[in-house]
PDB file of all heavy atoms in Angstrom:
ATOM      1  N   SER A   1       5.040  -4.521  13.499  1.00  0.00           N
ATOM      2  CA  SER A   1       6.120  -3.668  13.014  1.00  0.00           C
ATOM      3  C   SER A   1       6.037  -3.552  11.503  1.00  0.00           C
ATOM      4  O   SER A   1       6.822  -4.156  10.767  1.00  0.00           O
ATOM      5  CB  SER A   1       7.473  -4.228  13.451  1.00  0.00           C
ATOM      6  OG  SER A   1       7.564  -4.325  14.860  1.00  0.00           O
ATOM      7  N   ILE A   2       5.091  -2.764  11.038  1.00  0.00           N
ATOM      8  CA  ILE A   2       4.796  -2.706   9.610  1.00  0.00           C
ATOM      9  C   ILE A   2       5.562  -1.625   8.876  1.00  0.00           C
ATOM     10  O   ILE A   2       5.491  -1.563   7.643  1.00  0.00           O
ATOM     11  CB  ILE A   2       3.293  -2.518   9.366  1.00  0.00           C
ATOM     12  CG1 ILE A   2       2.803  -1.224  10.026  1.00  0.00           C
ATOM     13  CG2 ILE A   2       2.521  -3.729   9.878  1.00  0.00           C
ATOM     14  CD1 ILE A   2       1.353  -0.909   9.737  1.00  0.00           C
ATOM     15  N   VAL A   3       6.273  -0.775   9.590  1.00  0.00           N
ATOM     16  CA  VAL A   3       7.075   0.233   8.917  1.00  0.00           C
ATOM     17  C   VAL A   3       8.134  -0.463   8.076  1.00  0.00           C
ATOM     18  O   VAL A   3       8.836  -1.354   8.551  1.00  0.00           O
ATOM     19  CB  VAL A   3       7.729   1.188   9.923  1.00  0.00           C
ATOM     20  CG1 VAL A   3       8.673   2.155   9.208  1.00  0.00           C
ATOM     21  CG2 VAL A   3       6.682   1.961  10.705  1.00  0.00           C
ATOM     22  N   GLY A   4       8.233  -0.063   6.827  1.00  0.00           N
ATOM     23  CA  GLY A   4       9.191  -0.666   5.920  1.00  0.00           C
ATOM     24  C   GLY A   4       8.624  -1.770   5.059  1.00  0.00           C
ATOM     25  O   GLY A   4       9.320  -2.267   4.167  1.00  0.00           O
ATOM     26  N   ILE A   5       7.371  -2.171   5.293  1.00  0.00           N
ATOM     27  CA  ILE A   5       6.721  -3.149   4.427  1.00  0.00           C
ATOM     28  C   ILE A   5       6.435  -2.490   3.085  1.00  0.00           C
ATOM     29  O   ILE A   5       5.776  -1.459   3.020  1.00  0.00           O
ATOM     30  CB  ILE A   5       5.422  -3.678   5.052  1.00  0.00           C
ATOM     31  CG1 ILE A   5       5.728  -4.470   6.319  1.00  0.00           C
ATOM     32  CG2 ILE A   5       4.667  -4.533   4.049  1.00  0.00           C
ATOM     33  CD1 ILE A   5       6.517  -5.733   6.074  1.00  0.00           C
ATOM     34  N   ASN A   6       6.917  -3.102   2.035  1.00  0.00           N
ATOM     35  CA  ASN A   6       6.777  -2.526   0.700  1.00  0.00           C
ATOM     36  C   ASN A   6       5.812  -3.319  -0.170  1.00  0.00           C
ATOM     37  O   ASN A   6       4.716  -2.855  -0.481  1.00  0.00           O
ATOM     38  CB  ASN A   6       8.141  -2.437   0.022  1.00  0.00           C
ATOM     39  CG  ASN A   6       9.085  -1.483   0.708  1.00  0.00           C
ATOM     40  OD1 ASN A   6       8.687  -0.395   1.124  1.00  0.00           O
ATOM     41  ND2 ASN A   6      10.344  -1.873   0.828  1.00  0.00           N
ATOM     42  N   ASN A   7       6.214  -4.515  -0.545  1.00  0.00           N
ATOM     43  CA  ASN A   7       5.417  -5.324  -1.446  1.00  0.00           C
ATOM     44  C   ASN A   7       4.526  -6.288  -0.676  1.00  0.00           C
ATOM     45  O   ASN A   7       4.900  -6.793   0.381  1.00  0.00           O
ATOM     46  CB  ASN A   7       6.316  -6.116  -2.389  1.00  0.00           C
ATOM     47  CG  ASN A   7       7.314  -5.226  -3.099  1.00  0.00           C
ATOM     48  OD1 ASN A   7       6.958  -4.162  -3.601  1.00  0.00           O
ATOM     49  ND2 ASN A   7       8.568  -5.658  -3.151  1.00  0.00           N
ATOM     50  N   MET A   8       3.364  -6.553  -1.223  1.00  0.00           N
ATOM     51  CA  MET A   8       2.457  -7.536  -0.654  1.00  0.00           C
ATOM     52  C   MET A   8       1.907  -8.397  -1.784  1.00  0.00           C
ATOM     53  O   MET A   8       1.956  -8.004  -2.951  1.00  0.00           O
ATOM     54  CB  MET A   8       1.320  -6.878   0.119  1.00  0.00           C
ATOM     55  CG  MET A   8       1.788  -6.034   1.297  1.00  0.00           C
ATOM     56  SD  MET A   8       0.440  -5.385   2.325  1.00  0.00           S
ATOM     57  CE  MET A   8      -0.060  -6.888   3.186  1.00  0.00           C
ATOM     58  N   GLY A   9       1.406  -9.561  -1.423  1.00  0.00           N
ATOM     59  CA  GLY A   9       0.888 -10.425  -2.461  1.00  0.00           C
ATOM     60  C   GLY A   9       0.185 -11.641  -1.917  1.00  0.00           C
ATOM     61  O   GLY A   9       0.012 -11.799  -0.704  1.00  0.00           O
ATOM     62  N   TRP A  10      -0.232 -12.484  -2.847  1.00  0.00           N
ATOM     63  CA  TRP A  10      -0.921 -13.716  -2.527  1.00  0.00           C
ATOM     64  C   TRP A  10      -0.236 -14.891  -3.200  1.00  0.00           C
ATOM     65  O   TRP A  10       0.135 -14.815  -4.382  1.00  0.00           O
ATOM     66  CB  TRP A  10      -2.385 -13.653  -2.980  1.00  0.00           C
ATOM     67  CG  TRP A  10      -3.201 -12.664  -2.222  1.00  0.00           C
ATOM     68  CD1 TRP A  10      -3.441 -11.363  -2.546  1.00  0.00           C
ATOM     69  CD2 TRP A  10      -3.889 -12.906  -0.993  1.00  0.00           C
ATOM     70  NE1 TRP A  10      -4.238 -10.776  -1.600  1.00  0.00           N
ATOM     71  CE2 TRP A  10      -4.526 -11.699  -0.627  1.00  0.00           C
ATOM     72  CE3 TRP A  10      -4.025 -14.024  -0.168  1.00  0.00           C
ATOM     73  CZ2 TRP A  10      -5.299 -11.586   0.529  1.00  0.00           C
ATOM     74  CZ3 TRP A  10      -4.788 -13.904   0.980  1.00  0.00           C
ATOM     75  CH2 TRP A  10      -5.409 -12.700   1.311  1.00  0.00           C
ATOM     76  N   TYR A  11      -0.077 -15.959  -2.447  1.00  0.00           N
ATOM     77  CA  TYR A  11       0.435 -17.222  -2.942  1.00  0.00           C
ATOM     78  C   TYR A  11      -0.564 -18.310  -2.576  1.00  0.00           C
ATOM     79  O   TYR A  11      -1.417 -18.117  -1.709  1.00  0.00           O
ATOM     80  CB  TYR A  11       1.801 -17.543  -2.339  1.00  0.00           C
ATOM     81  CG  TYR A  11       2.906 -16.604  -2.791  1.00  0.00           C
ATOM     82  CD1 TYR A  11       2.935 -15.277  -2.372  1.00  0.00           C
ATOM     83  CD2 TYR A  11       3.919 -17.047  -3.632  1.00  0.00           C
ATOM     84  CE1 TYR A  11       3.939 -14.411  -2.785  1.00  0.00           C
ATOM     85  CE2 TYR A  11       4.928 -16.199  -4.047  1.00  0.00           C
ATOM     86  CZ  TYR A  11       4.934 -14.885  -3.616  1.00  0.00           C
ATOM     87  OH  TYR A  11       5.941 -14.042  -4.035  1.00  0.00           O
ATOM     88  N   ARG A  12      -0.472 -19.450  -3.232  1.00  0.00           N
ATOM     89  CA  ARG A  12      -1.371 -20.542  -2.899  1.00  0.00           C
ATOM     90  C   ARG A  12      -0.633 -21.871  -2.965  1.00  0.00           C
ATOM     91  O   ARG A  12       0.362 -22.014  -3.671  1.00  0.00           O
ATOM     92  CB  ARG A  12      -2.592 -20.565  -3.827  1.00  0.00           C
ATOM     93  CG  ARG A  12      -2.278 -20.885  -5.282  1.00  0.00           C
ATOM     94  CD  ARG A  12      -3.522 -20.699  -6.149  1.00  0.00           C
ATOM     95  NE  ARG A  12      -3.267 -21.037  -7.539  1.00  0.00           N
ATOM     96  CZ  ARG A  12      -4.143 -20.838  -8.517  1.00  0.00           C
ATOM     97  NH1 ARG A  12      -5.337 -20.305  -8.251  1.00  0.00           N
ATOM     98  NH2 ARG A  12      -3.834 -21.173  -9.764  1.00  0.00           N
ATOM     99  N   GLN A  13      -1.157 -22.834  -2.222  1.00  0.00           N
ATOM    100  CA  GLN A  13      -0.569 -24.155  -2.189  1.00  0.00           C
ATOM    101  C   GLN A  13      -1.675 -25.199  -2.141  1.00  0.00           C
ATOM    102  O   GLN A  13      -2.473 -25.225  -1.204  1.00  0.00           O
ATOM    103  CB  GLN A  13       0.359 -24.324  -0.988  1.00  0.00           C
ATOM    104  CG  GLN A  13       1.135 -25.626  -0.982  1.00  0.00           C
ATOM    105  CD  GLN A  13       2.254 -25.633   0.038  1.00  0.00           C
ATOM    106  OE1 GLN A  13       2.204 -24.906   1.030  1.00  0.00           O
ATOM    107  NE2 GLN A  13       3.269 -26.443  -0.195  1.00  0.00           N
ATOM    108  N   ALA A  14      -1.719 -26.028  -3.163  1.00  0.00           N
ATOM    109  CA  ALA A  14      -2.658 -27.133  -3.221  1.00  0.00           C
ATOM    110  C   ALA A  14      -2.005 -28.380  -2.633  1.00  0.00           C
ATOM    111  O   ALA A  14      -0.774 -28.477  -2.586  1.00  0.00           O
ATOM    112  CB  ALA A  14      -3.089 -27.388  -4.663  1.00  0.00           C
ATOM    113  N   PRO A  15      -2.797 -29.355  -2.186  1.00  0.00           N
ATOM    114  CA  PRO A  15      -2.226 -30.579  -1.627  1.00  0.00           C
ATOM    115  C   PRO A  15      -1.262 -31.252  -2.601  1.00  0.00           C
ATOM    116  O   PRO A  15      -1.588 -31.453  -3.770  1.00  0.00           O
ATOM    117  CB  PRO A  15      -3.449 -31.455  -1.365  1.00  0.00           C
ATOM    118  CG  PRO A  15      -4.558 -30.483  -1.156  1.00  0.00           C
ATOM    119  CD  PRO A  15      -4.273 -29.351  -2.107  1.00  0.00           C
ATOM    120  N   GLY A  16      -0.078 -31.575  -2.122  1.00  0.00           N
ATOM    121  CA  GLY A  16       0.918 -32.228  -2.946  1.00  0.00           C
ATOM    122  C   GLY A  16       1.642 -31.320  -3.914  1.00  0.00           C
ATOM    123  O   GLY A  16       2.464 -31.807  -4.703  1.00  0.00           O
ATOM    124  N   LYS A  17       1.360 -30.039  -3.874  1.00  0.00           N
ATOM    125  CA  LYS A  17       1.975 -29.087  -4.782  1.00  0.00           C
ATOM    126  C   LYS A  17       2.840 -28.091  -4.013  1.00  0.00           C
ATOM    127  O   LYS A  17       2.690 -27.909  -2.810  1.00  0.00           O
ATOM    128  CB  LYS A  17       0.915 -28.320  -5.574  1.00  0.00           C
ATOM    129  CG  LYS A  17      -0.033 -29.190  -6.376  1.00  0.00           C
ATOM    130  CD  LYS A  17       0.666 -29.845  -7.544  1.00  0.00           C
ATOM    131  CE  LYS A  17      -0.328 -30.599  -8.407  1.00  0.00           C
ATOM    132  NZ  LYS A  17       0.331 -31.223  -9.583  1.00  0.00           N
ATOM    133  N   GLN A  18       3.749 -27.454  -4.728  1.00  0.00           N
ATOM    134  CA  GLN A  18       4.557 -26.397  -4.143  1.00  0.00           C
ATOM    135  C   GLN A  18       3.753 -25.103  -4.072  1.00  0.00           C
ATOM    136  O   GLN A  18       2.816 -24.893  -4.839  1.00  0.00           O
ATOM    137  CB  GLN A  18       5.828 -26.170  -4.955  1.00  0.00           C
ATOM    138  CG  GLN A  18       6.824 -27.319  -4.912  1.00  0.00           C
ATOM    139  CD  GLN A  18       8.100 -26.982  -5.643  1.00  0.00           C
ATOM    140  OE1 GLN A  18       8.072 -26.402  -6.730  1.00  0.00           O
ATOM    141  NE2 GLN A  18       9.230 -27.334  -5.051  1.00  0.00           N
ATOM    142  N   ARG A  19       4.150 -24.246  -3.144  1.00  0.00           N
ATOM    143  CA  ARG A  19       3.521 -22.945  -3.064  1.00  0.00           C
ATOM    144  C   ARG A  19       3.870 -22.137  -4.310  1.00  0.00           C
ATOM    145  O   ARG A  19       5.030 -22.098  -4.737  1.00  0.00           O
ATOM    146  CB  ARG A  19       3.983 -22.212  -1.810  1.00  0.00           C
ATOM    147  CG  ARG A  19       3.272 -20.900  -1.551  1.00  0.00           C
ATOM    148  CD  ARG A  19       3.702 -20.286  -0.222  1.00  0.00           C
ATOM    149  NE  ARG A  19       3.390 -21.158   0.902  1.00  0.00           N
ATOM    150  CZ  ARG A  19       3.565 -20.819   2.168  1.00  0.00           C
ATOM    151  NH1 ARG A  19       4.044 -19.624   2.483  1.00  0.00           N
ATOM    152  NH2 ARG A  19       3.259 -21.668   3.140  1.00  0.00           N
ATOM    153  N   GLU A  20       2.875 -21.498  -4.901  1.00  0.00           N
ATOM    154  CA  GLU A  20       3.084 -20.752  -6.128  1.00  0.00           C
ATOM    155  C   GLU A  20       2.544 -19.337  -6.004  1.00  0.00           C
ATOM    156  O   GLU A  20       1.599 -19.071  -5.263  1.00  0.00           O
ATOM    157  CB  GLU A  20       2.419 -21.451  -7.316  1.00  0.00           C
ATOM    158  CG  GLU A  20       0.906 -21.526  -7.226  1.00  0.00           C
ATOM    159  CD  GLU A  20       0.261 -22.132  -8.460  1.00  0.00           C
ATOM    160  OE1 GLU A  20       0.986 -22.379  -9.449  1.00  0.00           O
ATOM    161  OE2 GLU A  20      -0.966 -22.364  -8.441  1.00  0.00           O
ATOM    162  N   LEU A  21       3.143 -18.452  -6.757  1.00  0.00           N
ATOM    163  CA  LEU A  21       2.712 -17.065  -6.793  1.00  0.00           C
ATOM    164  C   LEU A  21       1.367 -16.952  -7.486  1.00  0.00           C
ATOM    165  O   LEU A  21       1.138 -17.579  -8.524  1.00  0.00           O
ATOM    166  CB  LEU A  21       3.755 -16.205  -7.508  1.00  0.00           C
ATOM    167  CG  LEU A  21       3.481 -14.703  -7.634  1.00  0.00           C
ATOM    168  CD1 LEU A  21       4.797 -13.935  -7.596  1.00  0.00           C
ATOM    169  CD2 LEU A  21       2.743 -14.388  -8.932  1.00  0.00           C
ATOM    170  N   VAL A  22       0.486 -16.145  -6.915  1.00  0.00           N
ATOM    171  CA  VAL A  22      -0.787 -15.822  -7.541  1.00  0.00           C
ATOM    172  C   VAL A  22      -0.761 -14.395  -8.074  1.00  0.00           C
ATOM    173  O   VAL A  22      -1.018 -14.153  -9.253  1.00  0.00           O
ATOM    174  CB  VAL A  22      -1.963 -16.006  -6.570  1.00  0.00           C
ATOM    175  CG1 VAL A  22      -3.274 -15.600  -7.231  1.00  0.00           C
ATOM    176  CG2 VAL A  22      -2.033 -17.445  -6.081  1.00  0.00           C
ATOM    177  N   ALA A  23      -0.460 -13.445  -7.201  1.00  0.00           N
ATOM    178  CA  ALA A  23      -0.424 -12.045  -7.592  1.00  0.00           C
ATOM    179  C   ALA A  23       0.372 -11.258  -6.575  1.00  0.00           C
ATOM    180  O   ALA A  23       0.390 -11.595  -5.390  1.00  0.00           O
ATOM    181  CB  ALA A  23      -1.836 -11.463  -7.713  1.00  0.00           C
ATOM    182  N   THR A  24       1.029 -10.209  -7.033  1.00  0.00           N
ATOM    183  CA  THR A  24       1.758  -9.311  -6.147  1.00  0.00           C
ATOM    184  C   THR A  24       1.427  -7.874  -6.501  1.00  0.00           C
ATOM    185  O   THR A  24       0.998  -7.574  -7.620  1.00  0.00           O
ATOM    186  CB  THR A  24       3.280  -9.508  -6.240  1.00  0.00           C
ATOM    187  OG1 THR A  24       3.722  -9.261  -7.574  1.00  0.00           O
ATOM    188  CG2 THR A  24       3.672 -10.918  -5.819  1.00  0.00           C
ATOM    189  N   ILE A  25       1.653  -6.991  -5.536  1.00  0.00           N
ATOM    190  CA  ILE A  25       1.427  -5.570  -5.757  1.00  0.00           C
ATOM    191  C   ILE A  25       2.435  -4.789  -4.935  1.00  0.00           C
ATOM    192  O   ILE A  25       2.684  -5.090  -3.771  1.00  0.00           O
ATOM    193  CB  ILE A  25      -0.026  -5.173  -5.410  1.00  0.00           C
ATOM    194  CG1 ILE A  25      -0.284  -3.706  -5.759  1.00  0.00           C
ATOM    195  CG2 ILE A  25      -0.342  -5.467  -3.948  1.00  0.00           C
ATOM    196  CD1 ILE A  25      -1.760  -3.327  -5.706  1.00  0.00           C
ATOM    197  N   THR A  26       3.038  -3.788  -5.553  1.00  0.00           N
ATOM    198  CA  THR A  26       3.982  -2.940  -4.849  1.00  0.00           C
ATOM    199  C   THR A  26       3.238  -1.850  -4.101  1.00  0.00           C
ATOM    200  O   THR A  26       2.032  -1.647  -4.276  1.00  0.00           O
ATOM    201  CB  THR A  26       4.981  -2.293  -5.822  1.00  0.00           C
ATOM    202  OG1 THR A  26       4.298  -1.334  -6.640  1.00  0.00           O
ATOM    203  CG2 THR A  26       5.637  -3.340  -6.710  1.00  0.00           C
ATOM    204  N   SER A  27       3.966  -1.131  -3.264  1.00  0.00           N
ATOM    205  CA  SER A  27       3.356  -0.029  -2.533  1.00  0.00           C
ATOM    206  C   SER A  27       2.853   1.055  -3.478  1.00  0.00           C
ATOM    207  O   SER A  27       1.935   1.799  -3.132  1.00  0.00           O
ATOM    208  CB  SER A  27       4.350   0.567  -1.540  1.00  0.00           C
ATOM    209  OG  SER A  27       5.515   1.057  -2.197  1.00  0.00           O
ATOM    210  N   GLY A  28       3.444   1.130  -4.669  1.00  0.00           N
ATOM    211  CA  GLY A  28       3.024   2.098  -5.663  1.00  0.00           C
ATOM    212  C   GLY A  28       1.895   1.636  -6.557  1.00  0.00           C
ATOM    213  O   GLY A  28       1.416   2.411  -7.383  1.00  0.00           O
ATOM    214  N   GLY A  29       1.477   0.376  -6.415  1.00  0.00           N
ATOM    215  CA  GLY A  29       0.343  -0.122  -7.171  1.00  0.00           C
ATOM    216  C   GLY A  29       0.675  -0.952  -8.390  1.00  0.00           C
ATOM    217  O   GLY A  29      -0.240  -1.351  -9.127  1.00  0.00           O
ATOM    218  N   THR A  30       1.936  -1.233  -8.642  1.00  0.00           N
ATOM    219  CA  THR A  30       2.312  -2.083  -9.765  1.00  0.00           C
ATOM    220  C   THR A  30       1.969  -3.531  -9.453  1.00  0.00           C
ATOM    221  O   THR A  30       2.321  -4.044  -8.392  1.00  0.00           O
ATOM    222  CB  THR A  30       3.807  -1.954 -10.070  1.00  0.00           C
ATOM    223  OG1 THR A  30       4.118  -0.599 -10.385  1.00  0.00           O
ATOM    224  CG2 THR A  30       4.195  -2.834 -11.253  1.00  0.00           C
ATOM    225  N   THR A  31       1.283  -4.199 -10.375  1.00  0.00           N
ATOM    226  CA  THR A  31       0.793  -5.557 -10.136  1.00  0.00           C
ATOM    227  C   THR A  31       1.461  -6.574 -11.039  1.00  0.00           C
ATOM    228  O   THR A  31       1.961  -6.253 -12.117  1.00  0.00           O
ATOM    229  CB  THR A  31      -0.724  -5.627 -10.340  1.00  0.00           C
ATOM    230  OG1 THR A  31      -1.047  -5.235 -11.683  1.00  0.00           O
ATOM    231  CG2 THR A  31      -1.442  -4.709  -9.365  1.00  0.00           C
ATOM    232  N   ASN A  32       1.431  -7.823 -10.580  1.00  0.00           N
ATOM    233  CA  ASN A  32       1.953  -8.949 -11.333  1.00  0.00           C
ATOM    234  C   ASN A  32       1.060 -10.145 -11.044  1.00  0.00           C
ATOM    235  O   ASN A  32       0.691 -10.376  -9.891  1.00  0.00           O
ATOM    236  CB  ASN A  32       3.395  -9.243 -10.936  1.00  0.00           C
ATOM    237  CG  ASN A  32       3.985 -10.407 -11.703  1.00  0.00           C
ATOM    238  OD1 ASN A  32       3.901 -10.453 -12.927  1.00  0.00           O
ATOM    239  ND2 ASN A  32       4.592 -11.345 -10.984  1.00  0.00           N
ATOM    240  N   TYR A  33       0.720 -10.922 -12.083  1.00  0.00           N
ATOM    241  CA  TYR A  33      -0.191 -12.050 -11.942  1.00  0.00           C
ATOM    242  C   TYR A  33       0.390 -13.303 -12.562  1.00  0.00           C
ATOM    243  O   TYR A  33       1.099 -13.251 -13.574  1.00  0.00           O
ATOM    244  CB  TYR A  33      -1.530 -11.771 -12.621  1.00  0.00           C
ATOM    245  CG  TYR A  33      -2.317 -10.626 -12.046  1.00  0.00           C
ATOM    246  CD1 TYR A  33      -2.190  -9.348 -12.564  1.00  0.00           C
ATOM    247  CD2 TYR A  33      -3.194 -10.830 -10.985  1.00  0.00           C
ATOM    248  CE1 TYR A  33      -2.912  -8.291 -12.043  1.00  0.00           C
ATOM    249  CE2 TYR A  33      -3.923  -9.778 -10.461  1.00  0.00           C
ATOM    250  CZ  TYR A  33      -3.778  -8.515 -10.990  1.00  0.00           C
ATOM    251  OH  TYR A  33      -4.508  -7.471 -10.467  1.00  0.00           O
ATOM    252  N   ALA A  34       0.050 -14.433 -11.964  1.00  0.00           N
ATOM    253  CA  ALA A  34       0.328 -15.701 -12.603  1.00  0.00           C
ATOM    254  C   ALA A  34      -0.528 -15.826 -13.858  1.00  0.00           C
ATOM    255  O   ALA A  34      -1.661 -15.339 -13.903  1.00  0.00           O
ATOM    256  CB  ALA A  34       0.032 -16.859 -11.652  1.00  0.00           C
ATOM    257  N   ASP A  35       0.013 -16.490 -14.875  1.00  0.00           N
ATOM    258  CA  ASP A  35      -0.726 -16.632 -16.125  1.00  0.00           C
ATOM    259  C   ASP A  35      -2.079 -17.312 -15.922  1.00  0.00           C
ATOM    260  O   ASP A  35      -3.054 -16.993 -16.608  1.00  0.00           O
ATOM    261  CB  ASP A  35       0.094 -17.426 -17.139  1.00  0.00           C
ATOM    262  CG  ASP A  35       1.278 -16.648 -17.673  1.00  0.00           C
ATOM    263  OD1 ASP A  35       1.273 -15.402 -17.581  1.00  0.00           O
ATOM    264  OD2 ASP A  35       2.207 -17.287 -18.195  1.00  0.00           O
ATOM    265  N   SER A  36      -2.156 -18.230 -14.982  1.00  0.00           N
ATOM    266  CA  SER A  36      -3.364 -19.002 -14.777  1.00  0.00           C
ATOM    267  C   SER A  36      -4.529 -18.181 -14.222  1.00  0.00           C
ATOM    268  O   SER A  36      -5.679 -18.624 -14.293  1.00  0.00           O
ATOM    269  CB  SER A  36      -3.089 -20.182 -13.836  1.00  0.00           C
ATOM    270  OG  SER A  36      -2.623 -19.727 -12.577  1.00  0.00           O
ATOM    271  N   VAL A  37      -4.251 -17.001 -13.675  1.00  0.00           N
ATOM    272  CA  VAL A  37      -5.313 -16.203 -13.070  1.00  0.00           C
ATOM    273  C   VAL A  37      -5.526 -14.875 -13.771  1.00  0.00           C
ATOM    274  O   VAL A  37      -6.458 -14.133 -13.408  1.00  0.00           O
ATOM    275  CB  VAL A  37      -5.048 -15.950 -11.572  1.00  0.00           C
ATOM    276  CG1 VAL A  37      -4.818 -17.268 -10.846  1.00  0.00           C
ATOM    277  CG2 VAL A  37      -3.867 -15.005 -11.371  1.00  0.00           C
TER     278      VAL A  37
END
């Protein structure tokens, strides 16, 4: 049921660490990145 899906992105989780944002992208192509990447 993918109708209505807008934003997509990538997160990562290392052992013993919290899940963190890596990068996101809107349906229009606007991007956001973690400083580390």
